[in-house]
């Protein structure tokens, strides 16, 4: 893959920043493809490199992507410990775009661990942020379908239905079968 080549090339050059950066994005893509073991390994290595070399620029992404991979594996407690490493987020404004994926992961985690009110609130903040920039794509940021899960737990079904309908329309516009399927599943 392109990422395999990029990681190998960065390692060959001794470019630690790009090794960590490419591992992070390869891990994200592996999660999307369902190769969760490989994703977790890459994301942990990316985090270790960032910590060892003081590269915090990618920290919100690394934490978010690792937490999502762990959630996909059913490792909720480990995902919570991972999210807890992102305590920096409380010090930054909600609208910070680099924090979108961190907040997305934390919102989903909150819903899955019995705090649907807090999870929905977090995901709706994500929605407010991404609506302001041209990255409101349910393929990468399924905040609507995840928020709808929490809204249903809170018996706010009309709001949940409106979000899933909106996400389905966007997913169809983007043409991503994965996002369309996820939207339909959330709608069901």
Foldseek 3Di string as FASTA:
>chain_A
DVLVVQLVVCVVVVPLLSNLVSLLVVLLVCLVVPVLVSSLVSLVVSVVSCVVVVPCPLVLSSLLSNLSSCVVVVNLVVNVVSLVVVPVVVVDDLLDVSNLSSLLSVLLSCLVVPNLVVSLVSLVSSVVNCVVDVPPACVRRVSLLSNLSSCVVVVVNVSNLVSLVVQCVRCVVVPDPVSNVSSVVSND
